[in-house]
Amino acid sequence: METPVTATLIQDLAAELPLSEDGTLSRVLYRDDRLRVVGFAFAAGQELTEHTSALPVVIQVVQGRLDLVLGEEKAEATPGTWIHLPARLPHCVRAVEPTIMLLTMLPAAADGAADS
């Protein structure tokens, strides 16, 4: 007998990621054997200082506004912005206003596969 296929549904991301006045909340919203989705809720002025990821990631802003440094490039992200970062690209994130962000960690490329 086959295992039933089910969907994962989050009706209200803001309810899962409440904003505070002076901190940053991070919470794993989804995880399976291929990817992980982490939600962040940043108070205005909060930041993730420069770092890298061993895996490629996608950043999406749900609410608010972020200033980002992506390698040598500066960018602003608002709701609807979609950003793909390759593994090992130095980056930092700063919330200009209270912000909810999704970070999707993607599978590493197979050995010998080219980045597109």
N, C-alpha and C. Protein backbone atom coordinates (compact mmCIF):
# COMPACT_ATOMS: atom_id res chain seq x y z
N MET A 1 0.84 -1.18 0.00
CA MET A 1 0.00 0.00 0.00
C MET A 1 0.88 1.24 0.00
N GLU A 2 0.56 2.20 -0.86
CA GLU A 2 1.34 3.43 -0.98
C GLU A 2 1.07 4.38 0.18
N THR A 3 2.11 5.11 0.56
CA THR A 3 1.94 6.15 1.56
C THR A 3 1.23 7.32 0.90
N PRO A 4 0.19 7.88 1.54
CA PRO A 4 -0.52 9.01 0.93
C PRO A 4 0.40 10.23 0.80
N VAL A 5 0.22 10.97 -0.28
CA VAL A 5 0.96 12.20 -0.52
C VAL A 5 0.18 13.33 0.14
N THR A 6 0.89 14.15 0.92
CA THR A 6 0.22 15.26 1.58
C THR A 6 0.95 16.56 1.27
N ALA A 7 0.24 17.64 1.40
CA ALA A 7 0.81 18.98 1.17
C ALA A 7 1.14 19.61 2.52
N THR A 8 2.05 20.55 2.48
CA THR A 8 2.33 21.37 3.65
C THR A 8 1.78 22.76 3.35
N LEU A 9 0.92 23.24 4.21
CA LEU A 9 0.25 24.53 4.00
C LEU A 9 0.44 25.40 5.23
N ILE A 10 0.96 26.59 5.02
CA ILE A 10 1.03 27.60 6.08
C ILE A 10 0.13 28.74 5.64
N GLN A 11 -1.00 28.88 6.28
CA GLN A 11 -1.99 29.88 5.88
C GLN A 11 -1.52 31.31 6.13
N ASP A 12 -0.79 31.53 7.23
CA ASP A 12 -0.43 32.88 7.63
C ASP A 12 1.01 32.90 8.15
N LEU A 13 1.94 33.25 7.26
CA LEU A 13 3.34 33.28 7.66
C LEU A 13 3.60 34.26 8.79
N ALA A 14 2.92 35.39 8.78
CA ALA A 14 3.11 36.39 9.84
C ALA A 14 2.73 35.83 11.20
N ALA A 15 1.73 34.97 11.26
CA ALA A 15 1.33 34.38 12.54
C ALA A 15 2.39 33.38 13.02
N GLU A 16 3.08 32.73 12.11
CA GLU A 16 4.14 31.78 12.46
C GLU A 16 5.42 32.49 12.89
N LEU A 17 5.57 33.75 12.46
CA LEU A 17 6.81 34.50 12.68
C LEU A 17 6.50 35.87 13.28
N PRO A 18 6.09 35.91 14.54
CA PRO A 18 5.71 37.20 15.12
C PRO A 18 6.91 38.13 15.24
N LEU A 19 6.69 39.39 14.90
CA LEU A 19 7.73 40.41 14.99
C LEU A 19 7.85 40.90 16.43
N SER A 20 9.08 41.15 16.86
CA SER A 20 9.30 41.76 18.17
C SER A 20 9.84 43.17 17.93
N GLU A 21 9.93 43.96 18.99
CA GLU A 21 10.41 45.32 18.84
C GLU A 21 11.93 45.41 18.86
N ASP A 22 12.61 44.35 19.32
CA ASP A 22 14.05 44.50 19.50
C ASP A 22 14.85 43.22 19.30
N GLY A 23 14.42 42.35 18.43
CA GLY A 23 15.17 41.11 18.26
C GLY A 23 14.94 40.46 16.92
N THR A 24 15.46 39.25 16.80
CA THR A 24 15.30 38.45 15.60
C THR A 24 14.84 37.06 16.01
N LEU A 25 13.80 36.59 15.36
CA LEU A 25 13.28 35.24 15.57
C LEU A 25 13.58 34.43 14.31
N SER A 26 14.07 33.21 14.48
CA SER A 26 14.19 32.32 13.33
C SER A 26 13.54 30.99 13.71
N ARG A 27 12.85 30.41 12.74
CA ARG A 27 12.11 29.17 12.99
C ARG A 27 12.10 28.33 11.72
N VAL A 28 12.41 27.05 11.85
CA VAL A 28 12.31 26.14 10.72
C VAL A 28 10.82 25.91 10.45
N LEU A 29 10.40 26.23 9.24
CA LEU A 29 8.99 26.08 8.86
C LEU A 29 8.73 24.78 8.09
N TYR A 30 9.77 24.29 7.42
CA TYR A 30 9.62 23.06 6.64
C TYR A 30 11.00 22.43 6.47
N ARG A 31 11.02 21.11 6.50
CA ARG A 31 12.27 20.38 6.29
C ARG A 31 11.94 19.02 5.71
N ASP A 32 12.70 18.64 4.70
CA ASP A 32 12.63 17.27 4.22
C ASP A 32 14.05 16.87 3.82
N ASP A 33 14.18 15.78 3.09
CA ASP A 33 15.53 15.30 2.76
C ASP A 33 16.20 16.11 1.66
N ARG A 34 15.49 17.07 1.05
CA ARG A 34 16.07 17.86 -0.04
C ARG A 34 16.23 19.34 0.29
N LEU A 35 15.36 19.90 1.10
CA LEU A 35 15.48 21.33 1.38
C LEU A 35 14.96 21.66 2.77
N ARG A 36 15.29 22.88 3.17
CA ARG A 36 14.82 23.39 4.47
C ARG A 36 14.41 24.83 4.27
N VAL A 37 13.26 25.22 4.85
CA VAL A 37 12.77 26.59 4.78
C VAL A 37 12.77 27.15 6.20
N VAL A 38 13.48 28.27 6.36
CA VAL A 38 13.59 28.93 7.66
C VAL A 38 12.94 30.30 7.52
N GLY A 39 12.05 30.62 8.45
CA GLY A 39 11.45 31.94 8.49
C GLY A 39 12.17 32.81 9.50
N PHE A 40 12.37 34.06 9.15
CA PHE A 40 12.99 35.04 10.04
C PHE A 40 12.03 36.20 10.25
N ALA A 41 11.96 36.69 11.49
CA ALA A 41 11.24 37.92 11.80
C ALA A 41 12.24 38.86 12.45
N PHE A 42 12.53 39.96 11.76
CA PHE A 42 13.52 40.93 12.22
C PHE A 42 12.83 42.19 12.72
N ALA A 43 13.24 42.69 13.88
CA ALA A 43 12.85 44.03 14.29
C ALA A 43 13.65 45.02 13.44
N ALA A 44 13.18 46.23 13.31
CA ALA A 44 13.91 47.26 12.57
C ALA A 44 15.31 47.40 13.16
N GLY A 45 16.31 47.45 12.28
CA GLY A 45 17.69 47.63 12.71
C GLY A 45 18.44 46.34 13.01
N GLN A 46 17.74 45.22 13.09
CA GLN A 46 18.41 43.94 13.35
C GLN A 46 19.11 43.47 12.09
N GLU A 47 20.19 42.70 12.27
CA GLU A 47 20.93 42.24 11.10
C GLU A 47 21.58 40.89 11.33
N LEU A 48 21.90 40.27 10.22
CA LEU A 48 22.76 39.10 10.18
C LEU A 48 24.06 39.60 9.56
N THR A 49 25.12 39.62 10.35
CA THR A 49 26.40 40.13 9.86
C THR A 49 26.93 39.21 8.76
N GLU A 50 27.97 39.67 8.08
CA GLU A 50 28.47 38.94 6.93
C GLU A 50 28.78 37.48 7.27
N HIS A 51 28.29 36.61 6.42
CA HIS A 51 28.48 35.18 6.58
C HIS A 51 28.34 34.52 5.21
N THR A 52 28.58 33.23 5.15
CA THR A 52 28.36 32.46 3.93
C THR A 52 27.52 31.23 4.28
N SER A 53 27.00 30.59 3.25
CA SER A 53 26.26 29.35 3.43
C SER A 53 26.95 28.26 2.62
N ALA A 54 27.01 27.08 3.18
CA ALA A 54 27.60 25.94 2.45
C ALA A 54 26.69 25.48 1.32
N LEU A 55 25.42 25.89 1.36
CA LEU A 55 24.44 25.49 0.36
C LEU A 55 23.92 26.71 -0.39
N PRO A 56 23.44 26.54 -1.62
CA PRO A 56 22.75 27.64 -2.29
C PRO A 56 21.44 27.93 -1.55
N VAL A 57 21.04 29.21 -1.55
CA VAL A 57 19.82 29.60 -0.85
C VAL A 57 18.99 30.56 -1.70
N VAL A 58 17.72 30.65 -1.36
CA VAL A 58 16.81 31.63 -1.94
C VAL A 58 16.26 32.47 -0.79
N ILE A 59 16.29 33.80 -0.96
CA ILE A 59 15.73 34.74 0.01
C ILE A 59 14.48 35.35 -0.60
N GLN A 60 13.40 35.38 0.19
CA GLN A 60 12.15 36.02 -0.22
C GLN A 60 11.66 36.88 0.93
N VAL A 61 11.28 38.12 0.63
CA VAL A 61 10.73 39.01 1.64
C VAL A 61 9.20 38.90 1.58
N VAL A 62 8.61 38.62 2.74
CA VAL A 62 7.16 38.50 2.85
C VAL A 62 6.55 39.83 3.26
N GLN A 63 7.26 40.53 4.15
CA GLN A 63 6.76 41.79 4.70
C GLN A 63 7.96 42.62 5.12
N GLY A 64 7.93 43.93 4.89
CA GLY A 64 9.00 44.80 5.35
C GLY A 64 10.01 45.13 4.28
N ARG A 65 11.23 45.48 4.73
CA ARG A 65 12.28 45.91 3.79
C ARG A 65 13.64 45.57 4.36
N LEU A 66 14.49 44.99 3.51
CA LEU A 66 15.85 44.62 3.89
C LEU A 66 16.86 45.35 3.02
N ASP A 67 17.99 45.73 3.62
CA ASP A 67 19.17 46.12 2.88
C ASP A 67 20.11 44.92 2.91
N LEU A 68 20.65 44.55 1.75
CA LEU A 68 21.52 43.39 1.67
C LEU A 68 22.83 43.76 0.99
N VAL A 69 23.88 43.07 1.37
CA VAL A 69 25.13 43.08 0.63
C VAL A 69 25.34 41.65 0.18
N LEU A 70 25.43 41.48 -1.15
CA LEU A 70 25.51 40.15 -1.77
C LEU A 70 26.83 40.10 -2.53
N GLY A 71 27.85 39.60 -1.88
CA GLY A 71 29.18 39.67 -2.47
C GLY A 71 29.61 41.13 -2.50
N GLU A 72 29.84 41.66 -3.69
CA GLU A 72 30.23 43.07 -3.85
C GLU A 72 29.03 43.97 -4.16
N GLU A 73 27.86 43.38 -4.30
CA GLU A 73 26.68 44.12 -4.74
C GLU A 73 25.77 44.47 -3.57
N LYS A 74 25.23 45.71 -3.58
CA LYS A 74 24.23 46.12 -2.58
C LYS A 74 22.86 46.04 -3.23
N ALA A 75 21.87 45.64 -2.44
CA ALA A 75 20.51 45.50 -2.96
C ALA A 75 19.51 45.82 -1.86
N GLU A 76 18.30 46.20 -2.28
CA GLU A 76 17.19 46.37 -1.36
C GLU A 76 16.16 45.30 -1.72
N ALA A 77 15.56 44.71 -0.70
CA ALA A 77 14.54 43.69 -0.93
C ALA A 77 13.26 44.10 -0.23
N THR A 78 12.16 44.04 -0.96
CA THR A 78 10.83 44.35 -0.45
C THR A 78 9.91 43.18 -0.79
N PRO A 79 8.67 43.18 -0.31
CA PRO A 79 7.78 42.06 -0.63
C PRO A 79 7.72 41.80 -2.14
N GLY A 80 7.90 40.56 -2.49
CA GLY A 80 7.92 40.16 -3.89
C GLY A 80 9.32 39.98 -4.44
N THR A 81 10.34 40.43 -3.71
CA THR A 81 11.73 40.25 -4.16
C THR A 81 12.13 38.79 -4.01
N TRP A 82 12.84 38.28 -5.01
CA TRP A 82 13.34 36.90 -5.01
C TRP A 82 14.83 36.95 -5.32
N ILE A 83 15.64 36.35 -4.45
CA ILE A 83 17.10 36.39 -4.60
C ILE A 83 17.66 34.99 -4.47
N HIS A 84 18.46 34.57 -5.44
CA HIS A 84 19.17 33.29 -5.35
C HIS A 84 20.63 33.60 -5.06
N LEU A 85 21.19 32.94 -4.04
CA LEU A 85 22.60 33.08 -3.70
C LEU A 85 23.29 31.74 -3.89
N PRO A 86 24.37 31.72 -4.64
CA PRO A 86 25.12 30.46 -4.75
C PRO A 86 25.82 30.17 -3.42
N ALA A 87 26.18 28.95 -3.22
CA ALA A 87 26.92 28.56 -2.02
C ALA A 87 28.19 29.39 -1.91
N ARG A 88 28.56 29.71 -0.70
CA ARG A 88 29.81 30.38 -0.35
C ARG A 88 29.88 31.85 -0.75
N LEU A 89 28.81 32.47 -1.21
CA LEU A 89 28.83 33.91 -1.51
C LEU A 89 28.68 34.68 -0.20
N PRO A 90 29.64 35.52 0.17
CA PRO A 90 29.50 36.31 1.40
C PRO A 90 28.30 37.26 1.27
N HIS A 91 27.52 37.35 2.32
CA HIS A 91 26.36 38.24 2.30
C HIS A 91 26.00 38.67 3.71
N CYS A 92 25.30 39.80 3.80
CA CYS A 92 24.74 40.25 5.08
C CYS A 92 23.38 40.85 4.82
N VAL A 93 22.56 40.86 5.88
CA VAL A 93 21.16 41.25 5.79
C VAL A 93 20.87 42.21 6.94
N ARG A 94 20.21 43.34 6.64
CA ARG A 94 19.81 44.30 7.69
C ARG A 94 18.37 44.72 7.44
N ALA A 95 17.56 44.64 8.49
CA ALA A 95 16.15 45.04 8.39
C ALA A 95 16.04 46.55 8.53
N VAL A 96 15.55 47.20 7.51
CA VAL A 96 15.32 48.64 7.55
C VAL A 96 14.08 48.96 8.37
N GLU A 97 13.13 48.05 8.33
CA GLU A 97 11.88 48.15 9.10
C GLU A 97 11.53 46.74 9.54
N PRO A 98 10.54 46.56 10.41
CA PRO A 98 10.17 45.20 10.81
C PRO A 98 9.91 44.34 9.55
N THR A 99 10.56 43.18 9.51
CA THR A 99 10.58 42.40 8.26
C THR A 99 10.43 40.91 8.54
N ILE A 100 9.65 40.25 7.68
CA ILE A 100 9.54 38.80 7.68
C ILE A 100 10.17 38.30 6.38
N MET A 101 11.10 37.36 6.52
CA MET A 101 11.86 36.84 5.39
C MET A 101 11.83 35.32 5.41
N LEU A 102 11.78 34.72 4.23
CA LEU A 102 11.92 33.27 4.09
C LEU A 102 13.28 32.97 3.48
N LEU A 103 13.96 31.99 4.05
CA LEU A 103 15.23 31.50 3.53
C LEU A 103 15.04 30.04 3.19
N THR A 104 15.21 29.70 1.92
CA THR A 104 15.08 28.32 1.47
C THR A 104 16.48 27.79 1.16
N MET A 105 16.89 26.77 1.88
CA MET A 105 18.18 26.14 1.65
C MET A 105 17.98 25.02 0.65
N LEU A 106 18.68 25.12 -0.48
CA LEU A 106 18.51 24.18 -1.58
C LEU A 106 19.54 23.07 -1.49
N PRO A 107 19.30 21.97 -2.19
CA PRO A 107 20.30 20.90 -2.19
C PRO A 107 21.58 21.36 -2.86
N ALA A 108 22.69 20.84 -2.42
CA ALA A 108 23.98 21.12 -3.05
C ALA A 108 23.96 20.53 -4.46
N ALA A 109 24.67 21.18 -5.37
CA ALA A 109 24.77 20.65 -6.73
C ALA A 109 25.50 19.32 -6.69
N ALA A 110 25.12 18.42 -7.57
CA ALA A 110 25.81 17.13 -7.67
C ALA A 110 27.24 17.36 -8.14
N ASP A 111 28.14 16.54 -7.70
CA ASP A 111 29.54 16.67 -8.11
C ASP A 111 29.63 16.72 -9.63
N GLY A 112 30.37 17.72 -10.12
CA GLY A 112 30.54 17.86 -11.56
C GLY A 112 29.45 18.64 -12.24
N ALA A 113 28.35 18.97 -11.53
CA ALA A 113 27.28 19.75 -12.14
C ALA A 113 27.68 21.21 -12.19
N ALA A 114 27.35 21.88 -13.26
CA ALA A 114 27.67 23.30 -13.41
C ALA A 114 26.55 24.14 -12.84
N ASP A 115 26.92 25.28 -12.24
CA ASP A 115 25.90 26.23 -11.78
C ASP A 115 25.33 26.92 -13.01
N SER A 116 24.02 27.16 -12.96
CA SER A 116 23.42 27.85 -14.10
C SER A 116 23.06 29.26 -13.74
